[in-house]
Amino acid sequence: MLITEKLLPLSYYEINSRSVDWLVLEWFETNKRILHKTTTSGREVTMKFLQANQNLAQDDVLYEDAETIIAVEIAACDAIVVKPKNGYEMAAICYEIGNRHVPLFFENNELLVPFEVPLFSVLQKAGYEVQEGKRKLLTPLKTTVLPHGGGSLFSKDMTFSIADR
């Protein structure tokens, strides 16, 4: 089966007597444009999103007919779980993780990062309350920082001040 676009979230559909066939994705597969997977009932699915990234989320519907709805299920994975005590600690932890260019997620007042031993050790040694746990990485923490090469406001200011000399 070929899927070229995502539909609405499952909450918009009347399931009635239809069965929901889950397409289980890892967190890092949610923004892939081309992907071959098998649903929990064994149906082969090929996703080819020609538009900009579809950014699939938990419960997004990919297909529906009279008998079946195919919806996205994000699998739980090993994650670093950090519960910041205050805003200052939140900012410091986000800065530390951001410097490593690791994806960061936020769910239920917890910062979540895909588990990796070096980062776990760094955060632990810095004195933060960190633990390892199984979590669904559902809500990526978006940044407003421009990509590398685009420069930041600070780098543009520095360019102007050097040019003004």
N, C-alpha and C. Protein backbone atom coordinates (compact mmCIF):
# COMPACT_ATOMS: atom_id res chain seq x y z
N MET A 1 0.85 -1.17 0.00
CA MET A 1 0.00 0.00 0.00
C MET A 1 0.90 1.24 0.00
N LEU A 2 0.59 2.20 -0.86
CA LEU A 2 1.35 3.44 -0.96
C LEU A 2 0.58 4.57 -0.26
N ILE A 3 1.27 5.26 0.65
CA ILE A 3 0.69 6.41 1.35
C ILE A 3 1.50 7.63 1.00
N THR A 4 0.82 8.69 0.53
CA THR A 4 1.53 9.90 0.10
C THR A 4 1.25 11.12 0.98
N GLU A 5 0.32 10.98 1.93
CA GLU A 5 0.06 12.10 2.84
C GLU A 5 -0.59 11.58 4.12
N LYS A 6 -0.39 12.33 5.20
CA LYS A 6 -1.08 11.96 6.44
C LYS A 6 -2.44 12.63 6.46
N LEU A 7 -3.35 12.02 7.17
CA LEU A 7 -4.70 12.56 7.29
C LEU A 7 -4.81 13.24 8.66
N LEU A 8 -5.99 13.30 9.21
CA LEU A 8 -6.21 13.94 10.51
C LEU A 8 -5.84 13.00 11.66
N PRO A 9 -5.71 13.52 12.88
CA PRO A 9 -5.48 12.65 14.04
C PRO A 9 -6.68 11.73 14.27
N LEU A 10 -6.43 10.61 14.91
CA LEU A 10 -7.43 9.57 15.14
C LEU A 10 -8.66 10.10 15.89
N SER A 11 -8.49 11.09 16.73
CA SER A 11 -9.60 11.64 17.52
C SER A 11 -10.69 12.27 16.64
N TYR A 12 -10.38 12.58 15.38
CA TYR A 12 -11.36 13.16 14.46
C TYR A 12 -12.23 12.12 13.77
N TYR A 13 -11.92 10.84 13.96
CA TYR A 13 -12.61 9.77 13.24
C TYR A 13 -13.58 9.02 14.14
N GLU A 14 -14.67 8.59 13.54
CA GLU A 14 -15.58 7.67 14.23
C GLU A 14 -15.12 6.27 13.88
N ILE A 15 -14.67 5.56 14.87
CA ILE A 15 -14.12 4.23 14.63
C ILE A 15 -15.23 3.22 14.38
N ASN A 16 -16.32 3.30 15.16
CA ASN A 16 -17.45 2.38 15.04
C ASN A 16 -16.97 0.93 15.02
N SER A 17 -17.27 0.20 13.96
CA SER A 17 -16.89 -1.22 13.91
C SER A 17 -15.55 -1.44 13.20
N ARG A 18 -14.91 -0.36 12.81
CA ARG A 18 -13.61 -0.49 12.12
C ARG A 18 -12.51 -0.87 13.12
N SER A 19 -11.51 -1.55 12.60
CA SER A 19 -10.36 -1.87 13.44
C SER A 19 -9.25 -0.85 13.19
N VAL A 20 -8.48 -0.56 14.23
CA VAL A 20 -7.33 0.33 14.09
C VAL A 20 -6.10 -0.55 13.96
N ASP A 21 -5.42 -0.40 12.84
CA ASP A 21 -4.19 -1.14 12.55
C ASP A 21 -3.05 -0.16 12.78
N TRP A 22 -2.20 -0.46 13.75
CA TRP A 22 -1.14 0.49 14.13
C TRP A 22 0.11 0.30 13.29
N LEU A 23 0.68 1.42 12.86
CA LEU A 23 1.97 1.44 12.19
C LEU A 23 2.96 1.96 13.23
N VAL A 24 3.76 1.07 13.78
CA VAL A 24 4.67 1.43 14.86
C VAL A 24 5.94 2.05 14.27
N LEU A 25 6.26 3.27 14.73
CA LEU A 25 7.44 3.99 14.27
C LEU A 25 8.35 4.31 15.45
N GLU A 26 9.64 4.30 15.19
CA GLU A 26 10.60 4.81 16.17
C GLU A 26 10.56 6.33 16.09
N TRP A 27 10.97 7.02 17.15
CA TRP A 27 10.90 8.48 17.18
C TRP A 27 11.63 9.11 16.00
N PHE A 28 12.76 8.52 15.60
CA PHE A 28 13.57 9.11 14.53
C PHE A 28 13.00 8.85 13.14
N GLU A 29 11.98 8.01 13.04
CA GLU A 29 11.35 7.73 11.75
C GLU A 29 10.19 8.67 11.45
N THR A 30 9.79 9.49 12.42
CA THR A 30 8.60 10.31 12.26
C THR A 30 8.75 11.44 11.24
N ASN A 31 9.97 11.78 10.88
CA ASN A 31 10.15 12.85 9.89
C ASN A 31 10.79 12.35 8.59
N LYS A 32 10.77 11.05 8.38
CA LYS A 32 11.29 10.48 7.13
C LYS A 32 10.30 10.73 6.00
N ARG A 33 10.83 11.00 4.82
CA ARG A 33 9.95 11.23 3.67
C ARG A 33 9.62 9.93 2.94
N ILE A 34 10.54 8.96 2.99
CA ILE A 34 10.32 7.66 2.36
C ILE A 34 10.61 6.58 3.39
N LEU A 35 9.65 5.68 3.57
CA LEU A 35 9.80 4.67 4.60
C LEU A 35 8.97 3.44 4.24
N HIS A 36 9.53 2.26 4.46
CA HIS A 36 8.82 0.99 4.23
C HIS A 36 8.66 0.33 5.60
N LYS A 37 7.42 0.04 5.97
CA LYS A 37 7.13 -0.57 7.28
C LYS A 37 5.99 -1.58 7.13
N THR A 38 5.76 -2.32 8.21
CA THR A 38 4.66 -3.27 8.27
C THR A 38 3.80 -2.93 9.48
N THR A 39 2.49 -2.91 9.31
CA THR A 39 1.58 -2.60 10.42
C THR A 39 1.52 -3.80 11.38
N THR A 40 0.88 -3.60 12.52
CA THR A 40 0.79 -4.68 13.50
C THR A 40 0.00 -5.88 12.99
N SER A 41 -0.88 -5.67 12.00
CA SER A 41 -1.63 -6.81 11.44
C SER A 41 -0.90 -7.43 10.25
N GLY A 42 0.28 -6.89 9.88
CA GLY A 42 1.06 -7.48 8.81
C GLY A 42 0.92 -6.84 7.44
N ARG A 43 0.22 -5.71 7.36
CA ARG A 43 0.03 -5.02 6.08
C ARG A 43 1.30 -4.23 5.73
N GLU A 44 1.81 -4.45 4.51
CA GLU A 44 3.00 -3.71 4.04
C GLU A 44 2.59 -2.29 3.66
N VAL A 45 3.35 -1.31 4.17
CA VAL A 45 3.06 0.09 3.90
C VAL A 45 4.33 0.77 3.40
N THR A 46 4.20 1.52 2.32
CA THR A 46 5.29 2.36 1.82
C THR A 46 4.81 3.80 1.90
N MET A 47 5.57 4.61 2.61
CA MET A 47 5.23 6.03 2.70
C MET A 47 6.19 6.81 1.82
N LYS A 48 5.62 7.63 0.94
CA LYS A 48 6.40 8.53 0.08
C LYS A 48 5.74 9.89 0.16
N PHE A 49 6.27 10.71 1.04
CA PHE A 49 5.72 12.05 1.22
C PHE A 49 6.47 13.00 0.29
N LEU A 50 5.78 13.52 -0.72
CA LEU A 50 6.42 14.39 -1.70
C LEU A 50 6.45 15.84 -1.23
N GLN A 51 5.53 16.20 -0.35
CA GLN A 51 5.51 17.56 0.22
C GLN A 51 6.65 17.68 1.22
N ALA A 52 6.75 18.85 1.84
CA ALA A 52 7.72 19.05 2.91
C ALA A 52 7.46 18.02 4.00
N ASN A 53 8.39 17.89 4.93
CA ASN A 53 8.27 16.88 5.97
C ASN A 53 6.87 16.81 6.56
N GLN A 54 6.37 15.60 6.67
CA GLN A 54 5.05 15.38 7.24
C GLN A 54 5.07 15.41 8.77
N ASN A 55 6.23 15.16 9.38
CA ASN A 55 6.36 15.13 10.84
C ASN A 55 5.20 14.36 11.47
N LEU A 56 5.23 13.07 11.32
CA LEU A 56 4.18 12.22 11.85
C LEU A 56 4.18 12.25 13.37
N ALA A 57 3.00 12.16 13.95
CA ALA A 57 2.84 12.20 15.40
C ALA A 57 1.98 11.03 15.85
N GLN A 58 2.01 10.78 17.16
CA GLN A 58 1.17 9.73 17.75
C GLN A 58 -0.27 9.91 17.30
N ASP A 59 -0.91 8.85 16.86
CA ASP A 59 -2.32 8.79 16.45
C ASP A 59 -2.65 9.48 15.13
N ASP A 60 -1.65 9.90 14.35
CA ASP A 60 -1.95 10.42 13.01
C ASP A 60 -2.49 9.28 12.16
N VAL A 61 -3.56 9.55 11.43
CA VAL A 61 -4.16 8.54 10.55
C VAL A 61 -3.50 8.66 9.17
N LEU A 62 -3.11 7.51 8.63
CA LEU A 62 -2.47 7.47 7.32
C LEU A 62 -3.39 6.91 6.24
N TYR A 63 -4.41 6.15 6.67
CA TYR A 63 -5.30 5.50 5.71
C TYR A 63 -6.59 5.13 6.43
N GLU A 64 -7.70 5.19 5.68
CA GLU A 64 -8.98 4.71 6.22
C GLU A 64 -9.83 4.15 5.09
N ASP A 65 -10.58 3.12 5.41
CA ASP A 65 -11.62 2.61 4.53
C ASP A 65 -12.77 2.13 5.42
N ALA A 66 -13.70 1.38 4.87
CA ALA A 66 -14.89 0.97 5.62
C ALA A 66 -14.57 0.01 6.77
N GLU A 67 -13.47 -0.73 6.66
CA GLU A 67 -13.13 -1.72 7.70
C GLU A 67 -11.95 -1.35 8.58
N THR A 68 -11.03 -0.54 8.07
CA THR A 68 -9.75 -0.35 8.77
C THR A 68 -9.31 1.11 8.78
N ILE A 69 -8.64 1.47 9.86
CA ILE A 69 -7.93 2.75 9.94
C ILE A 69 -6.48 2.41 10.27
N ILE A 70 -5.55 2.95 9.51
CA ILE A 70 -4.13 2.77 9.84
C ILE A 70 -3.66 4.07 10.50
N ALA A 71 -3.14 3.93 11.73
CA ALA A 71 -2.71 5.09 12.50
C ALA A 71 -1.30 4.86 13.05
N VAL A 72 -0.63 5.95 13.35
CA VAL A 72 0.75 5.93 13.82
C VAL A 72 0.80 5.68 15.33
N GLU A 73 1.69 4.80 15.71
CA GLU A 73 1.99 4.53 17.12
C GLU A 73 3.50 4.75 17.28
N ILE A 74 3.89 5.67 18.15
CA ILE A 74 5.31 5.93 18.41
C ILE A 74 5.77 4.95 19.48
N ALA A 75 6.82 4.19 19.19
CA ALA A 75 7.33 3.19 20.13
C ALA A 75 8.10 3.87 21.26
N ALA A 76 7.99 3.30 22.45
CA ALA A 76 8.81 3.76 23.57
C ALA A 76 10.25 3.33 23.34
N CYS A 77 11.19 4.13 23.82
CA CYS A 77 12.60 3.80 23.66
C CYS A 77 13.35 4.12 24.96
N ASP A 78 14.58 3.66 25.06
CA ASP A 78 15.41 4.02 26.20
C ASP A 78 15.70 5.51 26.13
N ALA A 79 15.48 6.20 27.24
CA ALA A 79 15.65 7.66 27.24
C ALA A 79 16.31 8.11 28.54
N ILE A 80 16.98 9.24 28.44
CA ILE A 80 17.46 9.94 29.63
C ILE A 80 16.29 10.82 30.06
N VAL A 81 15.93 10.74 31.34
CA VAL A 81 14.81 11.49 31.88
C VAL A 81 15.35 12.47 32.92
N VAL A 82 15.08 13.76 32.72
CA VAL A 82 15.54 14.78 33.65
C VAL A 82 14.35 15.63 34.06
N LYS A 83 14.20 15.83 35.37
CA LYS A 83 13.14 16.69 35.89
C LYS A 83 13.82 17.92 36.51
N PRO A 84 13.89 19.02 35.76
CA PRO A 84 14.53 20.23 36.29
C PRO A 84 13.78 20.76 37.51
N LYS A 85 14.53 21.30 38.48
CA LYS A 85 13.93 21.82 39.71
C LYS A 85 13.36 23.22 39.53
N ASN A 86 13.92 23.98 38.58
CA ASN A 86 13.48 25.36 38.38
C ASN A 86 13.84 25.81 36.96
N GLY A 87 13.49 27.03 36.64
CA GLY A 87 13.75 27.56 35.30
C GLY A 87 15.23 27.67 34.98
N TYR A 88 16.03 28.04 35.97
CA TYR A 88 17.47 28.15 35.75
C TYR A 88 18.06 26.78 35.39
N GLU A 89 17.66 25.76 36.15
CA GLU A 89 18.17 24.42 35.87
C GLU A 89 17.68 23.93 34.51
N MET A 90 16.44 24.26 34.16
CA MET A 90 15.90 23.89 32.84
C MET A 90 16.77 24.50 31.74
N ALA A 91 17.08 25.78 31.87
CA ALA A 91 17.89 26.45 30.85
C ALA A 91 19.29 25.84 30.76
N ALA A 92 19.89 25.56 31.91
CA ALA A 92 21.25 25.01 31.93
C ALA A 92 21.28 23.62 31.30
N ILE A 93 20.29 22.80 31.60
CA ILE A 93 20.24 21.45 31.04
C ILE A 93 20.01 21.51 29.52
N CYS A 94 19.09 22.37 29.10
CA CYS A 94 18.83 22.52 27.66
C CYS A 94 20.08 23.01 26.93
N TYR A 95 20.83 23.90 27.54
CA TYR A 95 22.07 24.40 26.95
C TYR A 95 23.08 23.27 26.80
N GLU A 96 23.23 22.48 27.86
CA GLU A 96 24.18 21.36 27.85
C GLU A 96 23.82 20.35 26.76
N ILE A 97 22.54 20.01 26.66
CA ILE A 97 22.09 19.05 25.65
C ILE A 97 22.19 19.66 24.25
N GLY A 98 21.82 20.93 24.12
CA GLY A 98 21.87 21.61 22.83
C GLY A 98 23.27 21.68 22.27
N ASN A 99 24.27 21.83 23.14
CA ASN A 99 25.66 21.87 22.68
C ASN A 99 26.11 20.56 22.06
N ARG A 100 25.39 19.51 22.36
CA ARG A 100 25.73 18.19 21.81
C ARG A 100 24.86 17.86 20.59
N HIS A 101 24.01 18.78 20.19
CA HIS A 101 23.13 18.60 19.02
C HIS A 101 22.33 17.30 19.08
N VAL A 102 21.83 17.01 20.28
CA VAL A 102 21.02 15.82 20.51
C VAL A 102 19.56 16.26 20.52
N PRO A 103 18.65 15.52 19.90
CA PRO A 103 17.23 15.89 19.94
C PRO A 103 16.72 15.90 21.37
N LEU A 104 15.91 16.87 21.68
CA LEU A 104 15.39 17.06 23.03
C LEU A 104 13.87 17.08 22.97
N PHE A 105 13.24 16.38 23.90
CA PHE A 105 11.78 16.28 23.95
C PHE A 105 11.31 16.72 25.32
N PHE A 106 10.07 17.19 25.39
CA PHE A 106 9.49 17.66 26.65
C PHE A 106 8.11 17.06 26.81
N GLU A 107 7.89 16.37 27.92
CA GLU A 107 6.61 15.70 28.17
C GLU A 107 6.40 15.60 29.67
N ASN A 108 5.24 16.04 30.15
CA ASN A 108 4.88 15.93 31.57
C ASN A 108 5.96 16.50 32.50
N ASN A 109 6.44 17.69 32.20
CA ASN A 109 7.47 18.38 32.99
C ASN A 109 8.78 17.62 33.07
N GLU A 110 9.04 16.76 32.10
CA GLU A 110 10.30 16.03 32.03
C GLU A 110 11.00 16.37 30.71
N LEU A 111 12.30 16.55 30.79
CA LEU A 111 13.12 16.65 29.59
C LEU A 111 13.53 15.23 29.23
N LEU A 112 13.35 14.87 27.97
CA LEU A 112 13.65 13.51 27.51
C LEU A 112 14.64 13.57 26.36
N VAL A 113 15.62 12.69 26.40
CA VAL A 113 16.64 12.62 25.36
C VAL A 113 16.86 11.14 25.05
N PRO A 114 17.01 10.78 23.77
CA PRO A 114 17.35 9.37 23.49
C PRO A 114 18.60 8.99 24.29
N PHE A 115 18.57 7.81 24.89
CA PHE A 115 19.64 7.43 25.82
C PHE A 115 20.98 7.27 25.12
N GLU A 116 21.99 7.89 25.71
CA GLU A 116 23.38 7.65 25.34
C GLU A 116 24.22 7.84 26.60
N VAL A 117 25.14 6.91 26.82
CA VAL A 117 25.91 6.86 28.06
C VAL A 117 26.72 8.13 28.30
N PRO A 118 27.46 8.69 27.31
CA PRO A 118 28.26 9.88 27.61
C PRO A 118 27.43 11.06 28.13
N LEU A 119 26.27 11.32 27.51
CA LEU A 119 25.44 12.43 27.95
C LEU A 119 24.85 12.15 29.33
N PHE A 120 24.45 10.92 29.58
CA PHE A 120 23.93 10.53 30.89
C PHE A 120 24.97 10.82 31.97
N SER A 121 26.22 10.43 31.70
CA SER A 121 27.31 10.66 32.66
C SER A 121 27.57 12.14 32.90
N VAL A 122 27.58 12.92 31.83
CA VAL A 122 27.82 14.36 31.96
C VAL A 122 26.75 15.02 32.82
N LEU A 123 25.50 14.71 32.54
CA LEU A 123 24.40 15.30 33.31
C LEU A 123 24.44 14.85 34.76
N GLN A 124 24.78 13.60 34.99
CA GLN A 124 24.87 13.07 36.35
C GLN A 124 26.01 13.75 37.12
N LYS A 125 27.17 13.88 36.48
CA LYS A 125 28.33 14.51 37.13
C LYS A 125 28.09 15.98 37.41
N ALA A 126 27.23 16.61 36.58
CA ALA A 126 26.92 18.03 36.78
C ALA A 126 25.94 18.22 37.95
N GLY A 127 25.44 17.12 38.50
CA GLY A 127 24.58 17.19 39.68
C GLY A 127 23.09 17.23 39.40
N TYR A 128 22.69 16.99 38.17
CA TYR A 128 21.26 16.98 37.85
C TYR A 128 20.65 15.64 38.21
N GLU A 129 19.36 15.65 38.52
CA GLU A 129 18.63 14.41 38.80
C GLU A 129 18.28 13.75 37.48
N VAL A 130 19.04 12.75 37.11
CA VAL A 130 18.81 12.05 35.85
C VAL A 130 18.53 10.59 36.12
N GLN A 131 17.71 10.02 35.27
CA GLN A 131 17.45 8.59 35.36
C GLN A 131 17.24 8.04 33.95
N GLU A 132 17.35 6.75 33.85
CA GLU A 132 17.09 6.08 32.58
C GLU A 132 15.68 5.51 32.65
N GLY A 133 14.94 5.63 31.56
CA GLY A 133 13.59 5.10 31.55
C GLY A 133 13.12 4.83 30.14
N LYS A 134 12.04 4.09 30.02
CA LYS A 134 11.40 3.86 28.72
C LYS A 134 10.35 4.94 28.55
N ARG A 135 10.44 5.72 27.48
CA ARG A 135 9.49 6.78 27.22
C ARG A 135 9.20 6.86 25.73
N LYS A 136 8.02 7.37 25.40
CA LYS A 136 7.69 7.72 24.02
C LYS A 136 8.16 9.14 23.82
N LEU A 137 8.98 9.36 22.82
CA LEU A 137 9.48 10.70 22.52
C LEU A 137 8.51 11.34 21.53
N LEU A 138 7.55 12.08 22.08
CA LEU A 138 6.44 12.59 21.28
C LEU A 138 6.53 14.07 20.95
N THR A 139 7.01 14.88 21.89
CA THR A 139 6.94 16.32 21.73
C THR A 139 8.35 16.92 21.66
N PRO A 140 8.88 17.11 20.44
CA PRO A 140 10.21 17.69 20.33
C PRO A 140 10.20 19.13 20.82
N LEU A 141 11.26 19.50 21.50
CA LEU A 141 11.41 20.87 21.97
C LEU A 141 12.00 21.65 20.81
N LYS A 142 11.23 22.56 20.26
CA LYS A 142 11.66 23.34 19.09
C LYS A 142 12.51 24.51 19.55
N THR A 143 13.43 24.92 18.70
CA THR A 143 14.27 26.08 19.02
C THR A 143 13.99 27.19 18.03
N THR A 144 14.41 28.36 18.38
CA THR A 144 14.27 29.50 17.48
C THR A 144 15.63 29.92 16.93
N VAL A 145 16.63 29.09 17.16
CA VAL A 145 17.98 29.39 16.71
C VAL A 145 18.07 29.11 15.21
N LEU A 146 18.73 29.99 14.49
CA LEU A 146 18.93 29.77 13.06
C LEU A 146 19.92 28.64 12.84
N PRO A 147 19.80 27.88 11.76
CA PRO A 147 20.75 26.80 11.49
C PRO A 147 22.15 27.35 11.30
N HIS A 148 23.14 26.49 11.49
CA HIS A 148 24.53 26.88 11.26
C HIS A 148 24.67 27.41 9.84
N GLY A 149 25.46 28.42 9.68
CA GLY A 149 25.65 28.99 8.35
C GLY A 149 24.69 30.15 8.11
N GLY A 150 23.50 30.10 8.71
CA GLY A 150 22.57 31.20 8.61
C GLY A 150 23.01 32.34 9.53
N GLY A 151 23.82 31.98 10.50
CA GLY A 151 24.29 32.98 11.44
C GLY A 151 23.22 33.33 12.45
N SER A 152 23.63 33.88 13.54
CA SER A 152 22.70 34.31 14.56
C SER A 152 22.71 35.83 14.62
N LEU A 153 21.81 36.38 15.38
CA LEU A 153 21.79 37.82 15.56
C LEU A 153 23.12 38.29 16.15
N PHE A 154 23.68 37.50 17.09
CA PHE A 154 24.94 37.85 17.71
C PHE A 154 26.06 37.89 16.67
N SER A 155 26.13 36.87 15.80
CA SER A 155 27.21 36.83 14.81
C SER A 155 27.05 37.98 13.81
N LYS A 156 25.80 38.37 13.50
CA LYS A 156 25.59 39.50 12.60
C LYS A 156 26.04 40.80 13.26
N ASP A 157 25.76 40.94 14.57
CA ASP A 157 26.22 42.12 15.30
C ASP A 157 27.73 42.19 15.31
N MET A 158 28.38 41.03 15.52
CA MET A 158 29.83 40.99 15.53
C MET A 158 30.39 41.37 14.17
N THR A 159 29.74 40.93 13.10
CA THR A 159 30.19 41.26 11.76
C THR A 159 30.10 42.77 11.53
N PHE A 160 28.99 43.38 11.98
CA PHE A 160 28.83 44.81 11.79
C PHE A 160 29.86 45.58 12.61
N SER A 161 30.10 45.16 13.85
CA SER A 161 31.02 45.93 14.67
C SER A 161 32.46 45.82 14.16
N ILE A 162 32.83 44.67 13.60
CA ILE A 162 34.18 44.54 13.05
C ILE A 162 34.28 45.38 11.79
N ALA A 163 33.24 45.40 10.98
CA ALA A 163 33.24 46.17 9.73
C ALA A 163 33.25 47.67 10.00
N ASP A 164 32.70 48.09 11.14
CA ASP A 164 32.65 49.51 11.47
C ASP A 164 33.98 50.08 11.92
N ARG A 165 34.94 49.24 12.23
CA ARG A 165 36.24 49.73 12.74
C ARG A 165 37.07 50.35 11.69
